[in-house]
Amino acid sequence: MYVDSHCHLSFPELSDRIDAIRADMRAAGVDRALCICTTLEEFESVHRLATRFDNFWASAGVHPDNEGVREPTVDDLVALAALPRVVAIGETGLDYYRLNGRSVADMEWQRERFRVHIRAGRLTGRPLVIHTRSASDDTLAVLREEGGGQVGGVFHCFTETQAVARAALDLGFYISFSGILTFKTAEDLRAVARFVPLDRCLIETDSPYLAPVPFRGKTNSPAYVPFVAKQIAALKGVSIEEVARITSMNFERLFGVPARAEPDRDDLYK
C-alpha cells in the first residue's frame, strides 16, 4: 500500500470530489494521505478532512508564496499543532521564483515567516514540510540558523540539485519526489532520485497539481502516487512493492503515524 505524503484535498479542484477520490485511492492501493495546509484561513477545512477520515492527517502552516493572508505567529502554529491528527508544520520555506519586480532583499517577510514556522516546529516537535523554489541557499541557511536540523522534516516536491539534496539529508531531512520525476525533461531530477537513499525518500502527488505521466496536464489525485513509486523503483532497480513498503515506513517514522494493520483495509474507505 502507498502513502501520498503531500496533497491539497481542500483545494476547490478536489474538495467537492472527496468520495470519488477516496474510491480511486482504494482502487490504486493508496491507503493514507497527508493533507497540507497553505493558509490559516484554510486550516479548518484541512483539519476537517483529517478528523473525518482516519487515514488522513493534517499539517498547519502558511505557504511562502501566499500574500494578503493572515500572518502566523509561533503561538498560532503551536496551538494548531496541538490539535488531533496534526502531524506537521508547513508547508513553509522560501520561494523566489516570482519576485514580481522585487529583489531577494525585499523578501525578508518570507524569511521571517519561515523562521516562525521553524521555531514552532522546535517547540512542538512536529516535523517541517519544506517548500523551496529558486531559493535553496537561503532555505538551507535559515534552517541552519534556526536549528531546523533539530526538528527535521521533508523537502517536498523536490526539484533541486544533488548538492541541495545532500545538504538537506545532512540536516536530517527526508526528500519527497512528485510526478515531476516522470516528466521527459526531468533527467537531472532522476539522477538526484538515484542518489537519495530509499530509506530517506517519500512519495507524493502535490495534487491537484503536477500529475505524473501518463496523466500530465490533468488534475492530479492521490490515486496517482503509485506512478511516482514506479519511477523510483525503475531508477533504483527494486520492486515497486519495496518502494511502497519503505516509503510508507518512512512516512510513519517521520510523522509519528502508526503503521496500518494489514488485514482488511476496506474500513478505511467507509
C-alpha atoms as a PDB file:
ATOM      1  CA  MET A   1       0.000   0.000   0.000  1.00  0.00           C
ATOM      2  CA  TYR A   2       1.140   3.535  -0.820  1.00  0.00           C
ATOM      3  CA  VAL A   3       1.085   6.822   1.097  1.00  0.00           C
ATOM      4  CA  ASP A   4       0.640  10.230  -0.524  1.00  0.00           C
ATOM      5  CA  SER A   5       2.782  12.362   1.772  1.00  0.00           C
ATOM      6  CA  HIS A   6       1.641  15.714   0.339  1.00  0.00           C
ATOM      7  CA  CYS A   7      -1.686  16.665  -1.239  1.00  0.00           C
ATOM      8  CA  HIS A   8      -4.146  19.552  -1.178  1.00  0.00           C
ATOM      9  CA  LEU A   9      -7.572  17.929  -0.899  1.00  0.00           C
ATOM     10  CA  SER A  10      -9.079  21.134   0.487  1.00  0.00           C
ATOM     11  CA  PHE A  11      -8.387  22.982  -2.780  1.00  0.00           C
ATOM     12  CA  PRO A  12     -11.504  23.644  -4.913  1.00  0.00           C
ATOM     13  CA  GLU A  13     -10.375  21.318  -7.703  1.00  0.00           C
ATOM     14  CA  LEU A  14     -10.662  18.382  -5.276  1.00  0.00           C
ATOM     15  CA  SER A  15     -12.760  19.339  -2.248  1.00  0.00           C
ATOM     16  CA  ASP A  16     -16.112  18.523  -3.860  1.00  0.00           C
ATOM     17  CA  ARG A  17     -14.902  15.105  -5.021  1.00  0.00           C
ATOM     18  CA  ILE A  18     -13.625  13.550  -1.806  1.00  0.00           C
ATOM     19  CA  ASP A  19     -15.758  10.404  -2.018  1.00  0.00           C
ATOM     20  CA  ALA A  20     -14.673   9.747  -5.611  1.00  0.00           C
ATOM     21  CA  ILE A  21     -11.048  10.499  -4.762  1.00  0.00           C
ATOM     22  CA  ARG A  22     -11.133   8.040  -1.877  1.00  0.00           C
ATOM     23  CA  ALA A  23     -12.665   5.385  -4.123  1.00  0.00           C
ATOM     24  CA  ASP A  24      -9.873   5.953  -6.640  1.00  0.00           C
ATOM     25  CA  MET A  25      -7.288   5.744  -3.847  1.00  0.00           C
ATOM     26  CA  ARG A  26      -8.714   2.445  -2.710  1.00  0.00           C
ATOM     27  CA  ALA A  27      -8.582   1.016  -6.225  1.00  0.00           C
ATOM     28  CA  ALA A  28      -4.960   2.168  -6.598  1.00  0.00           C
ATOM     29  CA  GLY A  29      -3.809   0.791  -3.236  1.00  0.00           C
ATOM     30  CA  VAL A  30      -3.185   4.226  -1.694  1.00  0.00           C
ATOM     31  CA  ASP A  31      -4.269   3.873   1.905  1.00  0.00           C
ATOM     32  CA  ARG A  32      -3.136   7.132   3.545  1.00  0.00           C
ATOM     33  CA  ALA A  33      -2.535  10.801   2.763  1.00  0.00           C
ATOM     34  CA  LEU A  34      -1.239  13.931   4.461  1.00  0.00           C
ATOM     35  CA  CYS A  35      -3.471  16.938   3.737  1.00  0.00           C
ATOM     36  CA  ILE A  36      -1.356  20.072   3.588  1.00  0.00           C
ATOM     37  CA  CYS A  37      -2.380  23.496   4.868  1.00  0.00           C
ATOM     38  CA  THR A  38      -1.272  26.641   2.992  1.00  0.00           C
ATOM     39  CA  THR A  39      -3.072  29.418   4.921  1.00  0.00           C
ATOM     40  CA  LEU A  40      -4.502  29.819   8.394  1.00  0.00           C
ATOM     41  CA  GLU A  41      -7.830  30.605   6.744  1.00  0.00           C
ATOM     42  CA  GLU A  42      -7.733  27.178   5.081  1.00  0.00           C
ATOM     43  CA  PHE A  43      -6.747  25.221   8.177  1.00  0.00           C
ATOM     44  CA  GLU A  44     -10.272  24.382   9.341  1.00  0.00           C
ATOM     45  CA  SER A  45     -11.073  22.691   6.013  1.00  0.00           C
ATOM     46  CA  VAL A  46      -7.803  20.765   6.034  1.00  0.00           C
ATOM     47  CA  HIS A  47      -8.246  19.667   9.622  1.00  0.00           C
ATOM     48  CA  ARG A  48     -11.830  18.597   8.988  1.00  0.00           C
ATOM     49  CA  LEU A  49     -10.603  16.091   6.409  1.00  0.00           C
ATOM     50  CA  ALA A  50      -8.150  14.616   8.905  1.00  0.00           C
ATOM     51  CA  THR A  51     -10.718  14.301  11.675  1.00  0.00           C
ATOM     52  CA  ARG A  52     -13.434  12.934   9.397  1.00  0.00           C
ATOM     53  CA  PHE A  53     -11.336  10.180   7.816  1.00  0.00           C
ATOM     54  CA  ASP A  54      -8.965   8.042   9.858  1.00  0.00           C
ATOM     55  CA  ASN A  55      -6.459   7.580   7.024  1.00  0.00           C
ATOM     56  CA  PHE A  56      -5.925  11.321   6.502  1.00  0.00           C
ATOM     57  CA  TRP A  57      -3.693  13.598   8.565  1.00  0.00           C
ATOM     58  CA  ALA A  58      -3.142  17.369   8.502  1.00  0.00           C
ATOM     59  CA  SER A  59      -0.410  19.980   8.678  1.00  0.00           C
ATOM     60  CA  ALA A  60      -0.580  23.577   9.904  1.00  0.00           C
ATOM     61  CA  GLY A  61       1.202  26.398   8.116  1.00  0.00           C
ATOM     62  CA  VAL A  62       1.263  29.250   5.627  1.00  0.00           C
ATOM     63  CA  HIS A  63       2.849  28.741   2.203  1.00  0.00           C
ATOM     64  CA  PRO A  64       5.719  31.139   1.468  1.00  0.00           C
ATOM     65  CA  ASP A  65       4.035  32.407  -1.713  1.00  0.00           C
ATOM     66  CA  ASN A  66       0.773  33.430  -0.061  1.00  0.00           C
ATOM     67  CA  GLU A  67       0.352  37.158   0.424  1.00  0.00           C
ATOM     68  CA  GLY A  68      -2.635  39.074   1.748  1.00  0.00           C
ATOM     69  CA  VAL A  69      -3.425  36.305   4.211  1.00  0.00           C
ATOM     70  CA  ARG A  70      -3.313  36.128   7.991  1.00  0.00           C
ATOM     71  CA  GLU A  71       0.301  36.079   9.118  1.00  0.00           C
ATOM     72  CA  PRO A  72       1.051  33.206  11.518  1.00  0.00           C
ATOM     73  CA  THR A  73       2.664  33.653  14.894  1.00  0.00           C
ATOM     74  CA  VAL A  74       4.589  30.986  16.746  1.00  0.00           C
ATOM     75  CA  ASP A  75       1.696  30.775  19.213  1.00  0.00           C
ATOM     76  CA  ASP A  76      -0.791  30.258  16.355  1.00  0.00           C
ATOM     77  CA  LEU A  77       1.160  27.345  14.949  1.00  0.00           C
ATOM     78  CA  VAL A  78       1.860  25.778  18.336  1.00  0.00           C
ATOM     79  CA  ALA A  79      -1.856  25.849  19.137  1.00  0.00           C
ATOM     80  CA  LEU A  80      -2.835  24.273  15.822  1.00  0.00           C
ATOM     81  CA  ALA A  81      -0.120  21.626  16.104  1.00  0.00           C
ATOM     82  CA  ALA A  82      -1.632  20.511  19.410  1.00  0.00           C
ATOM     83  CA  LEU A  83      -4.934  19.574  17.757  1.00  0.00           C
ATOM     84  CA  PRO A  84      -5.711  15.926  16.993  1.00  0.00           C
ATOM     85  CA  ARG A  85      -4.224  14.489  13.797  1.00  0.00           C
ATOM     86  CA  VAL A  86      -1.987  17.491  13.075  1.00  0.00           C
ATOM     87  CA  VAL A  87       1.409  15.899  12.453  1.00  0.00           C
ATOM     88  CA  ALA A  88       3.483  18.585  10.713  1.00  0.00           C
ATOM     89  CA  ILE A  89       4.269  22.293  10.453  1.00  0.00           C
ATOM     90  CA  GLY A  90       4.018  23.730   6.954  1.00  0.00           C
ATOM     91  CA  GLU A  91       4.159  23.903   4.189  1.00  0.00           C
ATOM     92  CA  THR A  92       6.760  26.530   4.765  1.00  0.00           C
ATOM     93  CA  GLY A  93      10.024  27.677   3.268  1.00  0.00           C
ATOM     94  CA  LEU A  94      11.111  30.197   0.651  1.00  0.00           C
ATOM     95  CA  ASP A  95      10.073  30.890  -2.941  1.00  0.00           C
ATOM     96  CA  TYR A  96      11.891  33.482  -5.034  1.00  0.00           C
ATOM     97  CA  TYR A  97      10.554  32.211  -8.366  1.00  0.00           C
ATOM     98  CA  ARG A  98       8.087  35.081  -8.821  1.00  0.00           C
ATOM     99  CA  LEU A  99       9.652  38.200  -7.360  1.00  0.00           C
ATOM    100  CA  ASN A 100       7.352  40.457  -9.410  1.00  0.00           C
ATOM    101  CA  GLY A 101       9.896  43.237  -9.648  1.00  0.00           C
ATOM    102  CA  ARG A 102      11.163  42.824  -6.108  1.00  0.00           C
ATOM    103  CA  SER A 103      14.673  41.897  -5.052  1.00  0.00           C
ATOM    104  CA  VAL A 104      15.671  38.963  -2.869  1.00  0.00           C
ATOM    105  CA  ALA A 105      16.364  41.524  -0.126  1.00  0.00           C
ATOM    106  CA  ASP A 106      12.707  42.582  -0.370  1.00  0.00           C
ATOM    107  CA  MET A 107      11.625  39.054   0.581  1.00  0.00           C
ATOM    108  CA  GLU A 108      12.605  39.390   4.219  1.00  0.00           C
ATOM    109  CA  TRP A 109       8.940  38.918   5.117  1.00  0.00           C
ATOM    110  CA  GLN A 110       9.164  35.404   3.653  1.00  0.00           C
ATOM    111  CA  ARG A 111      12.309  34.622   5.596  1.00  0.00           C
ATOM    112  CA  GLU A 112      10.719  35.843   8.825  1.00  0.00           C
ATOM    113  CA  ARG A 113       7.617  33.741   8.179  1.00  0.00           C
ATOM    114  CA  PHE A 114       9.877  30.741   7.627  1.00  0.00           C
ATOM    115  CA  ARG A 115      11.655  31.408  10.929  1.00  0.00           C
ATOM    116  CA  VAL A 116       8.296  31.481  12.723  1.00  0.00           C
ATOM    117  CA  HIS A 117       7.471  28.021  11.381  1.00  0.00           C
ATOM    118  CA  ILE A 118      10.850  26.577  12.367  1.00  0.00           C
ATOM    119  CA  ARG A 119      10.502  27.969  15.891  1.00  0.00           C
ATOM    120  CA  ALA A 120       7.036  26.430  16.152  1.00  0.00           C
ATOM    121  CA  GLY A 121       8.467  23.131  14.942  1.00  0.00           C
ATOM    122  CA  ARG A 122      11.138  23.228  17.611  1.00  0.00           C
ATOM    123  CA  LEU A 123       8.588  23.954  20.337  1.00  0.00           C
ATOM    124  CA  THR A 124       6.156  21.250  19.257  1.00  0.00           C
ATOM    125  CA  GLY A 125       8.499  18.596  17.918  1.00  0.00           C
ATOM    126  CA  ARG A 126       6.428  18.493  14.730  1.00  0.00           C
ATOM    127  CA  PRO A 127       8.481  17.974  11.543  1.00  0.00           C
ATOM    128  CA  LEU A 128       8.644  20.705   8.911  1.00  0.00           C
ATOM    129  CA  VAL A 129       7.219  20.411   5.399  1.00  0.00           C
ATOM    130  CA  ILE A 130       9.653  22.489   3.333  1.00  0.00           C
ATOM    131  CA  HIS A 131       8.879  24.238   0.050  1.00  0.00           C
ATOM    132  CA  THR A 132      11.861  25.783  -1.707  1.00  0.00           C
ATOM    133  CA  ARG A 133      11.972  27.220  -5.209  1.00  0.00           C
ATOM    134  CA  SER A 134      14.771  29.368  -6.627  1.00  0.00           C
ATOM    135  CA  ALA A 135      15.842  29.910  -3.007  1.00  0.00           C
ATOM    136  CA  SER A 136      17.764  26.834  -1.891  1.00  0.00           C
ATOM    137  CA  ASP A 137      20.793  28.669  -0.473  1.00  0.00           C
ATOM    138  CA  ASP A 138      18.657  30.877   1.746  1.00  0.00           C
ATOM    139  CA  THR A 139      16.358  27.979   2.667  1.00  0.00           C
ATOM    140  CA  LEU A 140      19.299  25.965   3.947  1.00  0.00           C
ATOM    141  CA  ALA A 141      20.868  28.997   5.629  1.00  0.00           C
ATOM    142  CA  VAL A 142      17.699  29.843   7.580  1.00  0.00           C
ATOM    143  CA  LEU A 143      17.261  26.209   8.595  1.00  0.00           C
ATOM    144  CA  ARG A 144      20.796  26.137   9.953  1.00  0.00           C
ATOM    145  CA  GLU A 145      20.453  29.490  11.738  1.00  0.00           C
ATOM    146  CA  GLU A 146      17.179  28.480  13.401  1.00  0.00           C
ATOM    147  CA  GLY A 147      18.172  24.942  14.344  1.00  0.00           C
ATOM    148  CA  GLY A 148      15.875  23.311  11.810  1.00  0.00           C
ATOM    149  CA  GLY A 149      18.007  20.205  11.893  1.00  0.00           C
ATOM    150  CA  GLN A 150      16.823  19.644  15.462  1.00  0.00           C
ATOM    151  CA  VAL A 151      13.285  19.352  14.111  1.00  0.00           C
ATOM    152  CA  GLY A 152      13.758  17.608  10.793  1.00  0.00           C
ATOM    153  CA  GLY A 153      11.085  17.132   8.202  1.00  0.00           C
ATOM    154  CA  VAL A 154      10.856  16.785   4.456  1.00  0.00           C
ATOM    155  CA  PHE A 155      11.831  18.812   1.406  1.00  0.00           C
ATOM    156  CA  HIS A 156       8.639  18.240  -0.539  1.00  0.00           C
ATOM    157  CA  CYS A 157       8.232  18.063  -4.333  1.00  0.00           C
ATOM    158  CA  PHE A 158      11.992  18.134  -4.675  1.00  0.00           C
ATOM    159  CA  THR A 159      13.356  19.762  -7.850  1.00  0.00           C
ATOM    160  CA  GLU A 160      16.754  20.978  -6.669  1.00  0.00           C
ATOM    161  CA  THR A 161      20.287  19.726  -7.349  1.00  0.00           C
ATOM    162  CA  GLN A 162      22.114  16.790  -5.847  1.00  0.00           C
ATOM    163  CA  ALA A 163      24.166  19.220  -3.757  1.00  0.00           C
ATOM    164  CA  VAL A 164      20.989  20.623  -2.206  1.00  0.00           C
ATOM    165  CA  ALA A 165      19.681  17.112  -1.610  1.00  0.00           C
ATOM    166  CA  ARG A 166      22.937  16.182   0.134  1.00  0.00           C
ATOM    167  CA  ALA A 167      22.724  19.289   2.347  1.00  0.00           C
ATOM    168  CA  ALA A 168      19.116  18.506   3.254  1.00  0.00           C
ATOM    169  CA  LEU A 169      19.992  14.907   4.071  1.00  0.00           C
ATOM    170  CA  ASP A 170      22.916  16.090   6.200  1.00  0.00           C
ATOM    171  CA  LEU A 171      20.465  18.231   8.187  1.00  0.00           C
ATOM    172  CA  GLY A 172      18.359  15.123   8.826  1.00  0.00           C
ATOM    173  CA  PHE A 173      15.588  15.823   6.330  1.00  0.00           C
ATOM    174  CA  TYR A 174      13.794  13.426   4.031  1.00  0.00           C
ATOM    175  CA  ILE A 175      13.371  14.101   0.309  1.00  0.00           C
ATOM    176  CA  SER A 176       9.966  13.726  -1.331  1.00  0.00           C
ATOM    177  CA  PHE A 177       9.503  13.175  -5.044  1.00  0.00           C
ATOM    178  CA  SER A 178       6.393  14.017  -7.032  1.00  0.00           C
ATOM    179  CA  GLY A 179       5.068  13.340 -10.526  1.00  0.00           C
ATOM    180  CA  ILE A 180       7.723  15.675 -11.913  1.00  0.00           C
ATOM    181  CA  LEU A 181      10.050  12.694 -11.640  1.00  0.00           C
ATOM    182  CA  THR A 182       8.177  11.080 -14.555  1.00  0.00           C
ATOM    183  CA  PHE A 183       8.434  14.073 -16.906  1.00  0.00           C
ATOM    184  CA  LYS A 184      10.528  13.629 -20.031  1.00  0.00           C
ATOM    185  CA  THR A 185      12.555  16.738 -19.196  1.00  0.00           C
ATOM    186  CA  ALA A 186      13.406  15.630 -15.646  1.00  0.00           C
ATOM    187  CA  GLU A 187      16.558  13.577 -16.266  1.00  0.00           C
ATOM    188  CA  ASP A 188      18.601  15.694 -13.834  1.00  0.00           C
ATOM    189  CA  LEU A 189      15.991  15.107 -11.146  1.00  0.00           C
ATOM    190  CA  ARG A 190      16.017  11.379 -11.837  1.00  0.00           C
ATOM    191  CA  ALA A 191      19.755  11.445 -11.191  1.00  0.00           C
ATOM    192  CA  VAL A 192      19.026  13.043  -7.808  1.00  0.00           C
ATOM    193  CA  ALA A 193      16.463  10.333  -7.046  1.00  0.00           C
ATOM    194  CA  ARG A 194      19.077   7.685  -7.767  1.00  0.00           C
ATOM    195  CA  PHE A 195      21.368   9.415  -5.268  1.00  0.00           C
ATOM    196  CA  VAL A 196      18.914   9.791  -2.370  1.00  0.00           C
ATOM    197  CA  PRO A 197      18.811   6.620  -0.228  1.00  0.00           C
ATOM    198  CA  LEU A 198      15.450   4.895  -0.351  1.00  0.00           C
ATOM    199  CA  ASP A 199      15.198   4.993   3.427  1.00  0.00           C
ATOM    200  CA  ARG A 200      15.161   8.801   3.190  1.00  0.00           C
ATOM    201  CA  CYS A 201      12.595   9.046   0.359  1.00  0.00           C
ATOM    202  CA  LEU A 202       8.929   9.917   0.444  1.00  0.00           C
ATOM    203  CA  ILE A 203       6.478   9.958  -2.458  1.00  0.00           C
ATOM    204  CA  GLU A 204       3.727  12.488  -3.081  1.00  0.00           C
ATOM    205  CA  THR A 205       1.369  13.937  -5.664  1.00  0.00           C
ATOM    206  CA  ASP A 206       1.117  17.602  -4.604  1.00  0.00           C
ATOM    207  CA  SER A 207      -2.358  17.212  -6.103  1.00  0.00           C
ATOM    208  CA  PRO A 208      -4.231  18.859  -7.704  1.00  0.00           C
ATOM    209  CA  TYR A 209      -1.001  19.856  -9.466  1.00  0.00           C
ATOM    210  CA  LEU A 210       1.796  18.051 -11.320  1.00  0.00           C
ATOM    211  CA  ALA A 211       0.038  14.892 -12.406  1.00  0.00           C
ATOM    212  CA  PRO A 212       2.566  12.227 -13.430  1.00  0.00           C
ATOM    213  CA  VAL A 213       2.904  10.714 -16.876  1.00  0.00           C
ATOM    214  CA  PRO A 214       0.544   9.372 -18.313  1.00  0.00           C
ATOM    215  CA  PHE A 215      -1.842  11.907 -16.748  1.00  0.00           C
ATOM    216  CA  ARG A 216       0.301  15.001 -17.228  1.00  0.00           C
ATOM    217  CA  GLY A 217      -1.814  18.103 -17.789  1.00  0.00           C
ATOM    218  CA  LYS A 218      -4.817  16.654 -15.977  1.00  0.00           C
ATOM    219  CA  THR A 219      -5.973  17.243 -12.411  1.00  0.00           C
ATOM    220  CA  ASN A 220      -3.750  15.224 -10.103  1.00  0.00           C
ATOM    221  CA  SER A 221      -5.043  12.890  -7.399  1.00  0.00           C
ATOM    222  CA  PRO A 222      -3.559  10.841  -4.538  1.00  0.00           C
ATOM    223  CA  ALA A 223      -4.515   7.770  -6.576  1.00  0.00           C
ATOM    224  CA  TYR A 224      -1.653   8.612  -8.937  1.00  0.00           C
ATOM    225  CA  VAL A 225       1.143   8.346  -6.376  1.00  0.00           C
ATOM    226  CA  PRO A 226       1.968   4.751  -7.452  1.00  0.00           C
ATOM    227  CA  PHE A 227       3.279   6.197 -10.722  1.00  0.00           C
ATOM    228  CA  VAL A 228       5.904   8.084  -8.725  1.00  0.00           C
ATOM    229  CA  ALA A 229       6.763   4.890  -6.867  1.00  0.00           C
ATOM    230  CA  LYS A 230       7.061   3.037 -10.180  1.00  0.00           C
ATOM    231  CA  GLN A 231       9.596   5.571 -11.453  1.00  0.00           C
ATOM    232  CA  ILE A 232      11.670   5.358  -8.260  1.00  0.00           C
ATOM    233  CA  ALA A 233      11.605   1.570  -8.439  1.00  0.00           C
ATOM    234  CA  ALA A 234      12.939   1.682 -12.001  1.00  0.00           C
ATOM    235  CA  LEU A 235      15.686   4.139 -11.052  1.00  0.00           C
ATOM    236  CA  LYS A 236      16.830   2.099  -8.069  1.00  0.00           C
ATOM    237  CA  GLY A 237      16.394  -1.355  -9.555  1.00  0.00           C
ATOM    238  CA  VAL A 238      13.995  -2.584  -6.882  1.00  0.00           C
ATOM    239  CA  SER A 239      10.374  -3.699  -6.968  1.00  0.00           C
ATOM    240  CA  ILE A 240       7.559  -1.199  -6.731  1.00  0.00           C
ATOM    241  CA  GLU A 241       6.335  -3.149  -3.701  1.00  0.00           C
ATOM    242  CA  GLU A 242       9.650  -2.421  -1.970  1.00  0.00           C
ATOM    243  CA  VAL A 243       9.314   1.286  -2.733  1.00  0.00           C
ATOM    244  CA  ALA A 244       5.768   1.258  -1.369  1.00  0.00           C
ATOM    245  CA  ARG A 245       6.850  -0.551   1.796  1.00  0.00           C
ATOM    246  CA  ILE A 246       9.866   1.603   2.584  1.00  0.00           C
ATOM    247  CA  THR A 247       8.301   4.973   1.752  1.00  0.00           C
ATOM    248  CA  SER A 248       5.315   4.041   3.913  1.00  0.00           C
ATOM    249  CA  MET A 249       7.645   3.185   6.787  1.00  0.00           C
ATOM    250  CA  ASN A 250       9.473   6.475   6.247  1.00  0.00           C
ATOM    251  CA  PHE A 251       6.164   8.354   6.432  1.00  0.00           C
ATOM    252  CA  GLU A 252       5.269   6.617   9.666  1.00  0.00           C
ATOM    253  CA  ARG A 253       8.671   7.323  11.184  1.00  0.00           C
ATOM    254  CA  LEU A 254       8.821  10.980  10.193  1.00  0.00           C
ATOM    255  CA  PHE A 255       5.296  11.996  11.128  1.00  0.00           C
ATOM    256  CA  GLY A 256       4.761   9.657  14.067  1.00  0.00           C
ATOM    257  CA  VAL A 257       1.873   7.926  12.302  1.00  0.00           C
ATOM    258  CA  PRO A 258       1.129   4.364  13.435  1.00  0.00           C
ATOM    259  CA  ALA A 259       1.608   1.533  10.988  1.00  0.00           C
ATOM    260  CA  ARG A 260      -1.561   0.205   9.425  1.00  0.00           C
ATOM    261  CA  ALA A 261      -2.752  -3.255  10.370  1.00  0.00           C
ATOM    262  CA  GLU A 262      -2.501  -5.493   7.347  1.00  0.00           C
ATOM    263  CA  PRO A 263      -5.821  -7.338   7.333  1.00  0.00           C
ATOM    264  CA  ASP A 264      -8.949  -5.702   5.855  1.00  0.00           C
ATOM    265  CA  ARG A 265      -8.369  -2.165   4.683  1.00  0.00           C
ATOM    266  CA  ASP A 266     -11.920  -1.719   3.411  1.00  0.00           C
ATOM    267  CA  ASP A 267     -12.790   0.037   6.670  1.00  0.00           C
ATOM    268  CA  LEU A 268     -10.514   2.928   5.678  1.00  0.00           C
ATOM    269  CA  TYR A 269     -12.906   3.977   2.942  1.00  0.00           C
ATOM    270  CA  LYS A 270     -16.290   3.660   4.638  1.00  0.00           C
END
